[in-house]
N, C-alpha and C. Protein backbone atom coordinates (compact mmCIF):
# COMPACT_ATOMS: atom_id res chain seq x y z
N MET A 1 -44.67 -88.50 -72.24
CA MET A 1 -45.45 -89.36 -71.33
C MET A 1 -45.91 -88.53 -70.13
N ASN A 2 -47.17 -88.72 -69.75
CA ASN A 2 -47.69 -87.99 -68.59
C ASN A 2 -47.02 -88.48 -67.31
N PRO A 3 -46.83 -87.59 -66.34
CA PRO A 3 -46.20 -88.01 -65.09
C PRO A 3 -47.08 -88.99 -64.34
N PRO A 4 -46.48 -89.88 -63.56
CA PRO A 4 -47.29 -90.82 -62.78
C PRO A 4 -47.98 -90.12 -61.62
N THR A 5 -48.98 -90.77 -61.09
CA THR A 5 -49.55 -90.36 -59.80
C THR A 5 -48.76 -91.07 -58.72
N ARG A 6 -48.13 -90.31 -57.85
CA ARG A 6 -47.30 -90.88 -56.79
C ARG A 6 -48.17 -91.08 -55.55
N LEU A 7 -48.19 -92.30 -55.05
CA LEU A 7 -48.93 -92.64 -53.84
C LEU A 7 -47.94 -92.97 -52.73
N LEU A 8 -48.07 -92.28 -51.62
CA LEU A 8 -47.30 -92.59 -50.42
C LEU A 8 -48.25 -93.25 -49.43
N LEU A 9 -48.10 -94.55 -49.25
CA LEU A 9 -48.97 -95.32 -48.36
C LEU A 9 -48.32 -95.37 -46.99
N VAL A 10 -48.99 -94.81 -46.00
CA VAL A 10 -48.42 -94.63 -44.66
C VAL A 10 -49.24 -95.44 -43.66
N ARG A 11 -48.59 -96.36 -42.98
CA ARG A 11 -49.28 -97.04 -41.88
C ARG A 11 -49.14 -96.20 -40.62
N HIS A 12 -50.16 -96.22 -39.80
CA HIS A 12 -50.13 -95.49 -38.53
C HIS A 12 -48.99 -95.96 -37.64
N GLY A 13 -48.67 -95.13 -36.65
CA GLY A 13 -47.60 -95.44 -35.72
C GLY A 13 -47.93 -96.60 -34.78
N GLU A 14 -46.93 -96.97 -34.01
CA GLU A 14 -47.08 -98.07 -33.05
C GLU A 14 -48.23 -97.80 -32.09
N VAL A 15 -49.05 -98.81 -31.86
CA VAL A 15 -50.23 -98.66 -31.01
C VAL A 15 -49.88 -98.92 -29.54
N GLU A 16 -50.85 -98.63 -28.68
CA GLU A 16 -50.69 -98.88 -27.25
C GLU A 16 -50.25 -100.33 -27.01
N GLU A 17 -49.44 -100.53 -25.98
CA GLU A 17 -48.84 -101.84 -25.74
C GLU A 17 -49.90 -102.94 -25.62
N ARG A 18 -51.03 -102.65 -25.00
CA ARG A 18 -52.03 -103.71 -24.77
C ARG A 18 -52.66 -104.21 -26.07
N TYR A 19 -52.46 -103.49 -27.17
CA TYR A 19 -53.04 -103.90 -28.44
C TYR A 19 -52.02 -104.46 -29.43
N ARG A 20 -50.77 -104.61 -29.00
CA ARG A 20 -49.79 -105.17 -29.91
C ARG A 20 -49.94 -106.68 -30.01
N GLN A 21 -49.74 -107.20 -31.19
CA GLN A 21 -49.97 -108.62 -31.50
C GLN A 21 -51.40 -109.03 -31.13
N VAL A 22 -52.30 -108.08 -31.40
CA VAL A 22 -53.74 -108.28 -31.20
C VAL A 22 -54.43 -107.94 -32.52
N PHE A 23 -55.47 -108.68 -32.85
CA PHE A 23 -56.28 -108.34 -34.02
C PHE A 23 -57.21 -107.20 -33.62
N GLY A 24 -56.74 -105.98 -33.87
CA GLY A 24 -57.46 -104.79 -33.42
C GLY A 24 -58.66 -104.44 -34.28
N GLY A 25 -58.44 -104.40 -35.59
CA GLY A 25 -59.55 -104.13 -36.50
C GLY A 25 -60.34 -102.89 -36.13
N ARG A 26 -61.60 -103.09 -35.73
CA ARG A 26 -62.50 -101.97 -35.46
C ARG A 26 -62.25 -101.29 -34.12
N ILE A 27 -61.37 -101.82 -33.26
CA ILE A 27 -61.08 -101.19 -31.97
C ILE A 27 -60.39 -99.86 -32.22
N ASP A 28 -60.90 -98.80 -31.60
CA ASP A 28 -60.37 -97.45 -31.85
C ASP A 28 -59.29 -97.13 -30.83
N MET A 29 -58.12 -97.70 -31.00
CA MET A 29 -57.01 -97.60 -30.04
C MET A 29 -56.15 -96.38 -30.32
N GLY A 30 -55.36 -96.00 -29.33
CA GLY A 30 -54.43 -94.89 -29.48
C GLY A 30 -53.03 -95.37 -29.82
N LEU A 31 -52.08 -94.45 -29.75
CA LEU A 31 -50.68 -94.74 -30.03
C LEU A 31 -49.89 -94.84 -28.73
N SER A 32 -48.79 -95.58 -28.79
CA SER A 32 -47.82 -95.60 -27.69
C SER A 32 -46.99 -94.33 -27.74
N ALA A 33 -46.15 -94.12 -26.71
CA ALA A 33 -45.23 -92.97 -26.74
C ALA A 33 -44.32 -93.06 -27.96
N HIS A 34 -43.86 -94.28 -28.26
CA HIS A 34 -43.02 -94.46 -29.45
C HIS A 34 -43.80 -94.16 -30.72
N GLY A 35 -45.07 -94.52 -30.73
CA GLY A 35 -45.91 -94.23 -31.89
C GLY A 35 -46.06 -92.74 -32.14
N HIS A 36 -46.19 -91.97 -31.06
CA HIS A 36 -46.27 -90.51 -31.21
C HIS A 36 -44.94 -89.95 -31.74
N ALA A 37 -43.83 -90.51 -31.28
CA ALA A 37 -42.52 -90.08 -31.80
C ALA A 37 -42.40 -90.42 -33.28
N GLN A 38 -42.87 -91.60 -33.66
CA GLN A 38 -42.86 -91.98 -35.08
C GLN A 38 -43.69 -91.01 -35.91
N ALA A 39 -44.82 -90.58 -35.36
CA ALA A 39 -45.69 -89.64 -36.08
C ALA A 39 -44.97 -88.32 -36.35
N ARG A 40 -44.18 -87.87 -35.40
CA ARG A 40 -43.43 -86.62 -35.59
C ARG A 40 -42.36 -86.78 -36.67
N ILE A 41 -41.70 -87.93 -36.70
CA ILE A 41 -40.70 -88.20 -37.73
C ILE A 41 -41.37 -88.24 -39.11
N LEU A 42 -42.52 -88.90 -39.18
CA LEU A 42 -43.26 -88.95 -40.44
C LEU A 42 -43.65 -87.55 -40.91
N ALA A 43 -44.08 -86.71 -39.97
CA ALA A 43 -44.48 -85.34 -40.32
C ALA A 43 -43.32 -84.58 -40.93
N ASP A 44 -42.13 -84.73 -40.35
CA ASP A 44 -40.95 -84.06 -40.90
C ASP A 44 -40.66 -84.55 -42.32
N HIS A 45 -40.75 -85.85 -42.51
CA HIS A 45 -40.44 -86.43 -43.82
C HIS A 45 -41.49 -86.01 -44.86
N LEU A 46 -42.75 -86.15 -44.52
CA LEU A 46 -43.81 -85.80 -45.48
C LEU A 46 -43.78 -84.32 -45.83
N GLY A 47 -43.34 -83.51 -44.88
CA GLY A 47 -43.24 -82.07 -45.13
C GLY A 47 -42.21 -81.74 -46.19
N ARG A 48 -41.28 -82.66 -46.44
CA ARG A 48 -40.25 -82.44 -47.47
C ARG A 48 -40.62 -83.07 -48.81
N GLN A 49 -41.79 -83.71 -48.86
CA GLN A 49 -42.24 -84.34 -50.10
C GLN A 49 -43.24 -83.41 -50.81
N PRO A 50 -43.40 -83.60 -52.12
CA PRO A 50 -44.35 -82.75 -52.87
C PRO A 50 -45.80 -83.20 -52.69
N VAL A 51 -46.21 -83.40 -51.44
CA VAL A 51 -47.54 -83.92 -51.16
C VAL A 51 -48.58 -82.82 -51.43
N GLN A 52 -49.51 -83.13 -52.32
CA GLN A 52 -50.55 -82.18 -52.68
C GLN A 52 -51.90 -82.53 -52.06
N ALA A 53 -52.04 -83.77 -51.61
CA ALA A 53 -53.31 -84.20 -51.01
C ALA A 53 -53.02 -85.32 -50.01
N ILE A 54 -53.83 -85.36 -48.97
CA ILE A 54 -53.72 -86.43 -47.97
C ILE A 54 -55.12 -87.02 -47.75
N TYR A 55 -55.17 -88.33 -47.76
CA TYR A 55 -56.41 -89.06 -47.49
C TYR A 55 -56.14 -89.95 -46.28
N ALA A 56 -57.10 -90.03 -45.37
CA ALA A 56 -56.82 -90.74 -44.11
C ALA A 56 -58.04 -91.48 -43.60
N SER A 57 -57.75 -92.57 -42.92
CA SER A 57 -58.77 -93.28 -42.15
C SER A 57 -59.26 -92.40 -41.01
N PRO A 58 -60.54 -92.53 -40.65
CA PRO A 58 -61.05 -91.76 -39.51
C PRO A 58 -60.67 -92.34 -38.16
N MET A 59 -60.04 -93.50 -38.12
CA MET A 59 -59.78 -94.16 -36.85
C MET A 59 -58.70 -93.41 -36.07
N LYS A 60 -58.81 -93.50 -34.75
CA LYS A 60 -57.97 -92.70 -33.85
C LYS A 60 -56.49 -92.88 -34.12
N ARG A 61 -56.04 -94.10 -34.33
CA ARG A 61 -54.61 -94.33 -34.50
C ARG A 61 -54.07 -93.68 -35.78
N ALA A 62 -54.90 -93.62 -36.81
CA ALA A 62 -54.48 -92.93 -38.03
C ALA A 62 -54.49 -91.42 -37.84
N GLN A 63 -55.53 -90.92 -37.16
CA GLN A 63 -55.64 -89.47 -36.95
C GLN A 63 -54.52 -88.95 -36.05
N LEU A 64 -54.14 -89.72 -35.03
CA LEU A 64 -53.03 -89.31 -34.16
C LEU A 64 -51.70 -89.32 -34.92
N THR A 65 -51.56 -90.25 -35.84
CA THR A 65 -50.34 -90.29 -36.66
C THR A 65 -50.27 -89.07 -37.57
N LEU A 66 -51.40 -88.64 -38.05
CA LEU A 66 -51.46 -87.50 -38.96
C LEU A 66 -51.34 -86.16 -38.25
N ALA A 67 -51.67 -86.11 -36.96
CA ALA A 67 -51.79 -84.84 -36.24
C ALA A 67 -50.55 -83.95 -36.33
N PRO A 68 -49.32 -84.45 -36.13
CA PRO A 68 -48.16 -83.56 -36.21
C PRO A 68 -47.97 -82.92 -37.58
N PHE A 69 -48.33 -83.65 -38.63
CA PHE A 69 -48.24 -83.09 -39.97
C PHE A 69 -49.23 -81.94 -40.14
N ILE A 70 -50.45 -82.13 -39.67
CA ILE A 70 -51.49 -81.10 -39.80
C ILE A 70 -51.08 -79.83 -39.07
N GLU A 71 -50.40 -79.99 -37.93
CA GLU A 71 -49.99 -78.81 -37.15
C GLU A 71 -48.99 -77.94 -37.91
N ARG A 72 -48.22 -78.54 -38.81
CA ARG A 72 -47.10 -77.83 -39.44
C ARG A 72 -47.32 -77.47 -40.90
N HIS A 73 -48.30 -78.09 -41.55
CA HIS A 73 -48.39 -77.95 -43.00
C HIS A 73 -49.81 -77.58 -43.43
N PRO A 74 -49.92 -76.87 -44.55
CA PRO A 74 -51.23 -76.33 -44.95
C PRO A 74 -52.15 -77.34 -45.62
N VAL A 75 -51.64 -78.49 -46.03
CA VAL A 75 -52.50 -79.46 -46.72
C VAL A 75 -53.51 -80.03 -45.73
N ARG A 76 -54.80 -79.90 -46.04
CA ARG A 76 -55.85 -80.41 -45.17
C ARG A 76 -56.23 -81.82 -45.60
N PRO A 77 -56.31 -82.76 -44.66
CA PRO A 77 -56.62 -84.14 -45.04
C PRO A 77 -58.08 -84.34 -45.41
N VAL A 78 -58.30 -85.29 -46.30
CA VAL A 78 -59.64 -85.76 -46.63
C VAL A 78 -59.85 -87.06 -45.86
N ILE A 79 -60.86 -87.07 -45.00
CA ILE A 79 -61.12 -88.26 -44.18
C ILE A 79 -62.08 -89.18 -44.94
N LEU A 80 -61.65 -90.39 -45.18
CA LEU A 80 -62.45 -91.36 -45.92
C LEU A 80 -62.80 -92.54 -45.01
N PRO A 81 -64.06 -92.66 -44.61
CA PRO A 81 -64.45 -93.80 -43.76
C PRO A 81 -64.11 -95.15 -44.38
N GLU A 82 -64.04 -95.20 -45.71
CA GLU A 82 -63.74 -96.46 -46.40
C GLU A 82 -62.32 -96.94 -46.15
N LEU A 83 -61.47 -96.07 -45.59
CA LEU A 83 -60.09 -96.46 -45.29
C LEU A 83 -59.92 -97.03 -43.88
N ARG A 84 -61.02 -97.22 -43.15
CA ARG A 84 -60.91 -97.82 -41.82
C ARG A 84 -60.41 -99.26 -41.95
N GLU A 85 -59.84 -99.76 -40.85
CA GLU A 85 -59.28 -101.12 -40.88
C GLU A 85 -60.39 -102.15 -41.05
N VAL A 86 -60.02 -103.30 -41.59
CA VAL A 86 -60.97 -104.40 -41.77
C VAL A 86 -61.48 -104.87 -40.41
N ASP A 87 -62.73 -105.31 -40.38
CA ASP A 87 -63.35 -105.83 -39.16
C ASP A 87 -63.04 -107.33 -39.07
N PHE A 88 -62.35 -107.70 -38.00
CA PHE A 88 -61.93 -109.10 -37.82
C PHE A 88 -62.99 -109.97 -37.15
N GLY A 89 -64.19 -109.45 -36.95
CA GLY A 89 -65.26 -110.27 -36.41
C GLY A 89 -64.91 -110.91 -35.08
N ALA A 90 -65.05 -112.24 -35.00
CA ALA A 90 -64.82 -112.96 -33.75
C ALA A 90 -63.37 -112.92 -33.29
N TRP A 91 -62.46 -112.57 -34.18
CA TRP A 91 -61.05 -112.45 -33.79
C TRP A 91 -60.74 -111.11 -33.14
N THR A 92 -61.64 -110.17 -33.21
CA THR A 92 -61.37 -108.82 -32.70
C THR A 92 -61.00 -108.86 -31.22
N GLY A 93 -59.88 -108.26 -30.88
CA GLY A 93 -59.42 -108.21 -29.49
C GLY A 93 -58.63 -109.42 -29.07
N CYS A 94 -58.52 -110.43 -29.94
CA CYS A 94 -57.76 -111.64 -29.60
C CYS A 94 -56.28 -111.44 -29.91
N THR A 95 -55.44 -111.97 -29.04
CA THR A 95 -54.01 -112.00 -29.35
C THR A 95 -53.75 -113.08 -30.40
N TRP A 96 -52.53 -113.04 -30.97
CA TRP A 96 -52.17 -114.06 -31.94
C TRP A 96 -52.27 -115.46 -31.33
N GLN A 97 -51.83 -115.60 -30.07
CA GLN A 97 -51.87 -116.90 -29.42
C GLN A 97 -53.31 -117.33 -29.15
N GLU A 98 -54.17 -116.39 -28.79
CA GLU A 98 -55.58 -116.73 -28.55
C GLU A 98 -56.26 -117.20 -29.83
N VAL A 99 -55.92 -116.60 -30.95
CA VAL A 99 -56.48 -117.07 -32.22
C VAL A 99 -56.06 -118.50 -32.49
N ARG A 100 -54.80 -118.79 -32.19
CA ARG A 100 -54.31 -120.17 -32.40
C ARG A 100 -55.01 -121.14 -31.45
N ASP A 101 -55.18 -120.73 -30.20
CA ASP A 101 -55.77 -121.63 -29.20
C ASP A 101 -57.27 -121.83 -29.44
N ARG A 102 -57.98 -120.74 -29.75
CA ARG A 102 -59.45 -120.80 -29.84
C ARG A 102 -59.95 -121.21 -31.22
N PHE A 103 -59.22 -120.79 -32.27
CA PHE A 103 -59.70 -121.03 -33.63
C PHE A 103 -58.80 -121.97 -34.43
N HIS A 104 -57.69 -122.39 -33.82
CA HIS A 104 -56.78 -123.36 -34.44
C HIS A 104 -56.25 -122.85 -35.78
N VAL A 105 -55.92 -121.56 -35.80
CA VAL A 105 -55.39 -120.90 -36.99
C VAL A 105 -54.12 -120.16 -36.59
N HIS A 106 -53.08 -120.28 -37.39
CA HIS A 106 -51.87 -119.51 -37.14
C HIS A 106 -52.14 -118.06 -37.52
N ALA A 107 -51.73 -117.14 -36.66
CA ALA A 107 -52.00 -115.73 -36.89
C ALA A 107 -51.45 -115.23 -38.22
N PHE A 108 -50.33 -115.80 -38.67
CA PHE A 108 -49.73 -115.34 -39.92
C PHE A 108 -50.55 -115.75 -41.15
N ASP A 109 -51.57 -116.58 -40.96
CA ASP A 109 -52.43 -117.00 -42.07
C ASP A 109 -53.68 -116.12 -42.19
N TRP A 110 -53.68 -114.96 -41.53
CA TRP A 110 -54.90 -114.16 -41.47
C TRP A 110 -55.37 -113.67 -42.84
N LEU A 111 -54.46 -113.33 -43.72
CA LEU A 111 -54.88 -112.84 -45.04
C LEU A 111 -55.54 -113.95 -45.85
N GLU A 112 -54.98 -115.15 -45.77
CA GLU A 112 -55.58 -116.28 -46.47
C GLU A 112 -56.98 -116.57 -45.94
N LYS A 113 -57.14 -116.54 -44.60
CA LYS A 113 -58.44 -116.81 -44.00
C LYS A 113 -59.44 -115.69 -44.30
N LEU A 114 -58.94 -114.46 -44.29
CA LEU A 114 -59.83 -113.33 -44.61
C LEU A 114 -60.32 -113.43 -46.05
N GLU A 115 -59.41 -113.73 -46.98
CA GLU A 115 -59.78 -113.83 -48.39
C GLU A 115 -60.77 -114.96 -48.63
N ALA A 116 -60.67 -116.02 -47.83
CA ALA A 116 -61.58 -117.17 -47.96
C ALA A 116 -62.86 -117.00 -47.15
N ASN A 117 -63.04 -115.82 -46.53
CA ASN A 117 -64.20 -115.58 -45.65
C ASN A 117 -64.31 -116.65 -44.58
N ALA A 118 -63.16 -117.02 -44.02
CA ALA A 118 -63.09 -118.11 -43.04
C ALA A 118 -62.89 -117.60 -41.61
N ILE A 119 -62.99 -116.28 -41.40
CA ILE A 119 -62.93 -115.72 -40.05
C ILE A 119 -64.36 -115.46 -39.61
N PRO A 120 -64.83 -116.11 -38.55
CA PRO A 120 -66.24 -115.96 -38.15
C PRO A 120 -66.61 -114.50 -37.90
N GLU A 121 -67.73 -114.09 -38.49
CA GLU A 121 -68.34 -112.77 -38.28
C GLU A 121 -67.50 -111.61 -38.82
N ALA A 122 -66.42 -111.90 -39.54
CA ALA A 122 -65.57 -110.84 -40.08
C ALA A 122 -66.24 -110.17 -41.28
N GLU A 123 -65.74 -108.99 -41.61
CA GLU A 123 -66.22 -108.28 -42.79
C GLU A 123 -65.98 -109.13 -44.04
N PRO A 124 -66.99 -109.33 -44.87
CA PRO A 124 -66.77 -110.10 -46.10
C PRO A 124 -65.68 -109.47 -46.95
N VAL A 125 -64.82 -110.29 -47.50
CA VAL A 125 -63.67 -109.76 -48.23
C VAL A 125 -64.10 -108.94 -49.44
N ALA A 126 -65.20 -109.31 -50.09
CA ALA A 126 -65.67 -108.54 -51.24
C ALA A 126 -66.06 -107.13 -50.82
N GLN A 127 -66.69 -107.01 -49.67
CA GLN A 127 -67.07 -105.69 -49.15
C GLN A 127 -65.84 -104.86 -48.81
N PHE A 128 -64.86 -105.50 -48.17
CA PHE A 128 -63.61 -104.83 -47.84
C PHE A 128 -62.91 -104.35 -49.11
N ARG A 129 -62.80 -105.24 -50.10
CA ARG A 129 -62.15 -104.89 -51.36
C ARG A 129 -62.87 -103.73 -52.04
N ASP A 130 -64.20 -103.78 -52.07
CA ASP A 130 -64.97 -102.76 -52.79
C ASP A 130 -64.79 -101.38 -52.16
N ARG A 131 -64.81 -101.32 -50.83
CA ARG A 131 -64.70 -100.00 -50.20
C ARG A 131 -63.30 -99.42 -50.35
N VAL A 132 -62.28 -100.28 -50.27
CA VAL A 132 -60.92 -99.79 -50.47
C VAL A 132 -60.72 -99.40 -51.93
N ALA A 133 -61.30 -100.16 -52.84
CA ALA A 133 -61.20 -99.83 -54.27
C ALA A 133 -61.87 -98.49 -54.56
N ASP A 134 -62.99 -98.22 -53.92
CA ASP A 134 -63.66 -96.92 -54.09
C ASP A 134 -62.75 -95.78 -53.66
N SER A 135 -62.08 -95.96 -52.52
CA SER A 135 -61.16 -94.93 -52.02
C SER A 135 -59.99 -94.75 -52.98
N LEU A 136 -59.42 -95.87 -53.44
CA LEU A 136 -58.29 -95.80 -54.36
C LEU A 136 -58.68 -95.07 -55.64
N GLY A 137 -59.85 -95.40 -56.17
CA GLY A 137 -60.30 -94.72 -57.37
C GLY A 137 -60.43 -93.23 -57.18
N ARG A 138 -60.95 -92.81 -56.04
CA ARG A 138 -61.08 -91.38 -55.75
C ARG A 138 -59.70 -90.71 -55.66
N VAL A 139 -58.79 -91.35 -54.95
CA VAL A 139 -57.44 -90.77 -54.81
C VAL A 139 -56.79 -90.61 -56.18
N LEU A 140 -56.87 -91.63 -57.01
CA LEU A 140 -56.23 -91.57 -58.33
C LEU A 140 -56.88 -90.51 -59.23
N ARG A 141 -58.18 -90.35 -59.12
CA ARG A 141 -58.87 -89.33 -59.93
C ARG A 141 -58.48 -87.92 -59.48
N GLU A 142 -58.55 -87.70 -58.17
CA GLU A 142 -58.36 -86.35 -57.66
C GLU A 142 -56.89 -85.93 -57.63
N SER A 143 -55.98 -86.89 -57.65
CA SER A 143 -54.55 -86.58 -57.55
C SER A 143 -53.78 -86.97 -58.79
N ALA A 144 -54.48 -87.12 -59.91
CA ALA A 144 -53.84 -87.58 -61.15
C ALA A 144 -52.63 -86.72 -61.50
N GLY A 145 -51.49 -87.37 -61.67
CA GLY A 145 -50.27 -86.68 -62.03
C GLY A 145 -49.56 -85.98 -60.89
N GLY A 146 -50.12 -86.06 -59.69
CA GLY A 146 -49.54 -85.42 -58.52
C GLY A 146 -49.07 -86.42 -57.49
N CYS A 147 -48.98 -85.98 -56.25
CA CYS A 147 -48.50 -86.82 -55.15
C CYS A 147 -49.52 -86.79 -54.02
N ALA A 148 -49.99 -87.97 -53.62
CA ALA A 148 -50.97 -88.07 -52.54
C ALA A 148 -50.47 -89.04 -51.49
N ALA A 149 -50.67 -88.70 -50.23
CA ALA A 149 -50.38 -89.60 -49.11
C ALA A 149 -51.69 -90.22 -48.64
N VAL A 150 -51.62 -91.49 -48.29
CA VAL A 150 -52.76 -92.22 -47.75
C VAL A 150 -52.35 -92.77 -46.39
N VAL A 151 -52.98 -92.29 -45.33
CA VAL A 151 -52.64 -92.71 -43.96
C VAL A 151 -53.71 -93.70 -43.50
N ALA A 152 -53.30 -94.94 -43.30
CA ALA A 152 -54.29 -95.97 -43.02
C ALA A 152 -53.67 -97.08 -42.18
N HIS A 153 -54.08 -98.31 -42.44
CA HIS A 153 -53.81 -99.46 -41.58
C HIS A 153 -53.12 -100.57 -42.37
N GLY A 154 -52.57 -101.53 -41.63
CA GLY A 154 -51.85 -102.62 -42.28
C GLY A 154 -52.72 -103.40 -43.26
N GLY A 155 -53.93 -103.75 -42.84
CA GLY A 155 -54.83 -104.49 -43.73
C GLY A 155 -55.23 -103.68 -44.94
N VAL A 156 -55.51 -102.40 -44.74
CA VAL A 156 -55.93 -101.53 -45.84
C VAL A 156 -54.79 -101.34 -46.84
N ILE A 157 -53.57 -101.13 -46.36
CA ILE A 157 -52.43 -100.94 -47.26
C ILE A 157 -52.20 -102.21 -48.06
N ARG A 158 -52.33 -103.36 -47.45
CA ARG A 158 -52.18 -104.61 -48.20
C ARG A 158 -53.27 -104.74 -49.26
N MET A 159 -54.49 -104.33 -48.93
CA MET A 159 -55.55 -104.39 -49.94
C MET A 159 -55.29 -103.38 -51.06
N LEU A 160 -54.81 -102.19 -50.72
CA LEU A 160 -54.45 -101.22 -51.76
C LEU A 160 -53.39 -101.80 -52.70
N LEU A 161 -52.38 -102.46 -52.14
CA LEU A 161 -51.34 -103.07 -52.97
C LEU A 161 -51.90 -104.21 -53.81
N ALA A 162 -52.80 -105.01 -53.24
CA ALA A 162 -53.42 -106.09 -54.01
C ALA A 162 -54.18 -105.53 -55.21
N LEU A 163 -54.88 -104.42 -55.00
CA LEU A 163 -55.63 -103.79 -56.09
C LEU A 163 -54.70 -103.19 -57.13
N LEU A 164 -53.69 -102.48 -56.66
CA LEU A 164 -52.77 -101.82 -57.59
C LEU A 164 -51.98 -102.82 -58.42
N LEU A 165 -51.58 -103.93 -57.80
CA LEU A 165 -50.75 -104.92 -58.47
C LEU A 165 -51.57 -106.05 -59.10
N ASP A 166 -52.89 -105.99 -58.92
CA ASP A 166 -53.79 -107.01 -59.46
C ASP A 166 -53.37 -108.41 -59.01
N LEU A 167 -53.21 -108.53 -57.69
CA LEU A 167 -52.81 -109.79 -57.08
C LEU A 167 -53.84 -110.20 -56.02
N PRO A 168 -53.95 -111.49 -55.73
CA PRO A 168 -54.84 -111.92 -54.64
C PRO A 168 -54.37 -111.33 -53.30
N LEU A 169 -55.31 -111.02 -52.44
CA LEU A 169 -54.97 -110.45 -51.14
C LEU A 169 -54.02 -111.34 -50.36
N ARG A 170 -54.19 -112.65 -50.45
CA ARG A 170 -53.34 -113.57 -49.68
C ARG A 170 -51.87 -113.44 -50.05
N LYS A 171 -51.58 -113.01 -51.28
CA LYS A 171 -50.19 -112.84 -51.70
C LYS A 171 -49.50 -111.70 -50.95
N MET A 172 -50.28 -110.79 -50.38
CA MET A 172 -49.72 -109.66 -49.65
C MET A 172 -49.09 -110.09 -48.33
N ALA A 173 -49.28 -111.36 -47.94
CA ALA A 173 -48.62 -111.88 -46.75
C ALA A 173 -47.10 -111.86 -46.90
N SER A 174 -46.63 -111.77 -48.14
CA SER A 174 -45.18 -111.71 -48.39
C SER A 174 -44.59 -110.34 -48.09
N PHE A 175 -45.45 -109.35 -47.88
CA PHE A 175 -45.00 -107.98 -47.67
C PHE A 175 -45.19 -107.57 -46.22
N GLU A 176 -44.12 -107.19 -45.56
CA GLU A 176 -44.22 -106.64 -44.22
C GLU A 176 -44.66 -105.18 -44.33
N ILE A 177 -45.63 -104.79 -43.52
CA ILE A 177 -46.08 -103.40 -43.46
C ILE A 177 -45.98 -102.99 -41.99
N ALA A 178 -44.84 -102.45 -41.59
CA ALA A 178 -44.57 -102.15 -40.19
C ALA A 178 -45.28 -100.87 -39.75
N TYR A 179 -45.37 -100.70 -38.43
CA TYR A 179 -45.88 -99.44 -37.90
C TYR A 179 -45.07 -98.27 -38.47
N ALA A 180 -45.77 -97.22 -38.84
CA ALA A 180 -45.15 -95.96 -39.31
C ALA A 180 -44.30 -96.15 -40.55
N SER A 181 -44.60 -97.18 -41.32
CA SER A 181 -43.83 -97.43 -42.55
C SER A 181 -44.40 -96.65 -43.72
N LEU A 182 -43.52 -96.41 -44.68
CA LEU A 182 -43.88 -95.75 -45.94
C LEU A 182 -43.69 -96.72 -47.09
N THR A 183 -44.66 -96.74 -47.98
CA THR A 183 -44.56 -97.49 -49.23
C THR A 183 -44.90 -96.53 -50.36
N ARG A 184 -44.05 -96.45 -51.36
CA ARG A 184 -44.29 -95.53 -52.47
C ARG A 184 -44.59 -96.31 -53.74
N VAL A 185 -45.70 -95.93 -54.36
CA VAL A 185 -46.13 -96.56 -55.61
C VAL A 185 -46.36 -95.45 -56.64
N ASP A 186 -45.78 -95.62 -57.82
CA ASP A 186 -46.03 -94.71 -58.93
C ASP A 186 -47.02 -95.37 -59.89
N HIS A 187 -48.12 -94.67 -60.14
CA HIS A 187 -49.22 -95.25 -60.92
C HIS A 187 -49.44 -94.49 -62.22
N ARG A 188 -49.42 -95.23 -63.31
CA ARG A 188 -49.92 -94.75 -64.60
C ARG A 188 -50.95 -95.77 -65.08
N PRO A 189 -51.93 -95.35 -65.87
CA PRO A 189 -52.88 -96.33 -66.40
C PRO A 189 -52.14 -97.46 -67.12
N GLY A 190 -52.36 -98.68 -66.64
CA GLY A 190 -51.72 -99.84 -67.24
C GLY A 190 -50.32 -100.11 -66.77
N ARG A 191 -49.79 -99.28 -65.88
CA ARG A 191 -48.42 -99.49 -65.39
C ARG A 191 -48.31 -99.03 -63.94
N VAL A 192 -47.89 -99.92 -63.08
CA VAL A 192 -47.72 -99.62 -61.66
C VAL A 192 -46.32 -100.04 -61.25
N GLU A 193 -45.60 -99.14 -60.57
CA GLU A 193 -44.25 -99.44 -60.11
C GLU A 193 -44.16 -99.19 -58.61
N VAL A 194 -43.76 -100.20 -57.85
CA VAL A 194 -43.49 -100.03 -56.43
C VAL A 194 -42.06 -99.53 -56.30
N GLN A 195 -41.91 -98.28 -55.89
CA GLN A 195 -40.57 -97.68 -55.79
C GLN A 195 -39.85 -98.11 -54.53
N PHE A 196 -40.58 -98.21 -53.43
CA PHE A 196 -40.04 -98.82 -52.22
C PHE A 196 -41.20 -99.28 -51.35
N LEU A 197 -40.88 -100.23 -50.47
CA LEU A 197 -41.91 -100.88 -49.66
C LEU A 197 -41.46 -100.93 -48.21
N ASN A 198 -42.35 -100.57 -47.30
CA ASN A 198 -42.12 -100.77 -45.86
C ASN A 198 -40.87 -100.04 -45.37
N ARG A 199 -40.67 -98.80 -45.80
CA ARG A 199 -39.54 -98.02 -45.32
C ARG A 199 -39.91 -97.38 -43.98
N VAL A 200 -39.14 -97.69 -42.96
CA VAL A 200 -39.36 -97.13 -41.63
C VAL A 200 -38.26 -96.09 -41.38
N LEU A 201 -38.67 -94.86 -41.12
CA LEU A 201 -37.74 -93.76 -40.98
C LEU A 201 -37.09 -93.75 -39.61
N GLU A 202 -35.85 -93.36 -39.56
CA GLU A 202 -35.16 -93.22 -38.28
C GLU A 202 -35.12 -91.75 -37.88
N SER A 203 -35.03 -91.49 -36.58
CA SER A 203 -35.00 -90.10 -36.10
C SER A 203 -33.66 -89.46 -36.44
C-alpha cells in the first residue's frame, strides 16, 4: 500500500487582544505576545517533523506564526491566497455579543449561518468552499505520499476538514480549533484518517 499524504493543519497563534472574540475574517491583525511565543513552540515542533512542504495563508497572523520556522529551517513556504480567512461581511469587526445584539444570532451558530449564506454581505459559501478545495487539491498533488503543513485560520481549517471528511461545514462546529493548534490528517484516495485534532503544544 502506498504511504498516505500526511497533512498538518496549523491554526495561527493567538491574535492581538482587541481582536479576540471578534469576527476578524479579512482584518489583517497581528499576534499577541503569547501568540508569538506559541509560534516559537510550533517552530520547534514542526522542525522535528518530516515536513517536506509548507503552504500558508498570506494574512499577517498566519505569516507571523510561520516566521520562527522560516528562520530556522530550509523549507520555503508556498503562499496561497486561497487560504485566507473567510470574509464575514457585515459581521466583520463585531464581537460575539455585538453579533447577538445587532443580528440576533448566537456567535456559536456562525458555521450554520455561513453555510446557509445567512450572514449579510459575507463571502458566499460556495466560493469559500471552491477556493479552499483548490488549495487542498494542490497540496495533495504536490505532496503525495509526503508530509505537508498548512498554516491558516480557524474557518479555513474547518472547511479543509469538511472537504476531507465529506461532511457539511456546519458539522465542523463540533470541532474546536484553538489558536496555535495542530490537527493531523492522513490522506489516501478513498480513505481519510484524523490522527489527532486540536492539539495545543505546551512550552
